[in-house]
Amino acid sequence: MNNRMIRIAGLLSVAAVVVAVSGCVVTPPSVRPAYVEPAYAPPPGVVYVQPAYASPGPGYVWEYHAHYGWGWRHPQYGWHRGWR
């Protein structure tokens, strides 16, 4: 009888652990790729030209200048290489 009680107590403890842990299973959130529109679009009729060299620093954006053409522009510091 004592052996039977130990077996039942063991099964109940295993069942309690399974019930307690089963709520901890979490599936990872589904990640969907987001479409981001470009920050800058050239005016109509302007041909895009790739940069000839890497960005001069953080914050610079490859933009079109009406007089000089394509170049790096920073929102705070202005055009790279002194364009106005």
Protein backbone atom coordinates (compact mmCIF):
# COMPACT_ATOMS: atom_id res chain seq x y z
CA MET A 1 0.00 0.00 0.00
CA ASN A 2 2.83 2.39 0.88
CA ASN A 3 4.54 1.67 -2.45
CA ARG A 4 1.30 2.40 -4.31
CA MET A 5 0.90 5.79 -2.55
CA ILE A 6 4.45 6.77 -3.49
CA ARG A 7 3.76 5.86 -7.12
CA ILE A 8 0.52 7.89 -7.17
CA ALA A 9 2.25 10.88 -5.52
CA GLY A 10 5.03 10.69 -8.10
CA LEU A 11 2.56 10.62 -10.99
CA LEU A 12 0.61 13.55 -9.52
CA SER A 13 3.79 15.60 -9.09
CA VAL A 14 4.82 14.88 -12.68
CA ALA A 15 1.35 15.85 -13.89
CA ALA A 16 1.50 19.08 -11.86
CA VAL A 17 4.88 19.95 -13.37
CA VAL A 18 3.61 19.26 -16.90
CA VAL A 19 0.55 21.48 -16.33
CA ALA A 20 2.65 24.26 -14.80
CA VAL A 21 5.27 24.26 -17.57
CA SER A 22 2.86 23.85 -20.49
CA GLY A 23 1.73 27.46 -20.14
CA CYS A 24 5.31 28.70 -20.66
CA VAL A 25 5.52 27.63 -24.28
CA VAL A 26 5.61 30.79 -26.39
CA THR A 27 5.80 31.00 -30.14
CA PRO A 28 7.96 33.74 -31.62
CA PRO A 29 6.06 36.72 -33.03
CA SER A 30 5.54 36.72 -36.76
CA VAL A 31 7.75 39.30 -38.43
CA ARG A 32 6.49 40.81 -41.65
CA PRO A 33 8.77 42.86 -43.88
CA ALA A 34 7.71 46.49 -43.95
CA TYR A 35 7.74 48.52 -47.12
CA VAL A 36 9.55 51.79 -46.57
CA GLU A 37 9.26 54.54 -49.15
CA PRO A 38 12.49 56.23 -50.11
CA ALA A 39 13.16 59.43 -48.16
CA TYR A 40 14.03 61.32 -51.33
CA ALA A 41 12.82 61.00 -54.91
CA PRO A 42 14.52 62.92 -57.72
CA PRO A 43 12.47 65.36 -59.80
CA PRO A 44 10.82 64.00 -62.95
CA GLY A 45 13.19 63.63 -65.88
CA VAL A 46 16.35 63.37 -63.74
CA VAL A 47 18.47 60.27 -64.26
CA TYR A 48 19.71 58.59 -61.09
CA VAL A 49 23.49 58.38 -60.74
CA GLN A 50 25.09 56.07 -58.17
CA PRO A 51 27.51 57.56 -55.64
CA ALA A 52 31.14 57.42 -56.76
CA TYR A 53 32.42 57.16 -53.19
CA ALA A 54 31.11 56.13 -49.78
CA SER A 55 29.05 58.43 -47.59
CA PRO A 56 31.27 61.03 -45.90
CA GLY A 57 29.67 60.40 -42.51
CA PRO A 58 26.52 59.49 -40.63
CA GLY A 59 23.42 61.43 -41.61
CA TYR A 60 24.45 62.20 -45.21
CA VAL A 61 21.88 61.38 -47.91
CA TRP A 62 22.50 61.01 -51.64
CA GLU A 63 20.38 63.79 -53.21
CA TYR A 64 20.02 65.71 -56.43
CA HIS A 65 21.17 69.37 -56.58
CA ALA A 66 19.55 71.49 -59.31
CA HIS A 67 22.84 73.15 -60.34
CA TYR A 68 25.57 70.63 -59.46
CA GLY A 69 23.77 67.30 -59.95
CA TRP A 70 24.01 64.39 -57.51
CA GLY A 71 25.86 64.70 -54.23
CA TRP A 72 25.91 64.01 -50.49
CA ARG A 73 23.77 66.32 -48.35
CA HIS A 74 23.47 66.48 -44.58
CA PRO A 75 20.29 68.01 -43.08
CA GLN A 76 22.33 70.05 -40.58
CA TYR A 77 25.68 70.67 -42.33
CA GLY A 78 24.48 71.05 -45.95
CA TRP A 79 26.19 69.77 -49.06
CA HIS A 80 29.45 67.87 -48.88
CA ARG A 81 32.38 69.68 -50.54
CA GLY A 82 30.74 73.08 -50.00
CA TRP A 83 27.90 73.27 -52.52
CA ARG A 84 25.30 75.94 -51.73
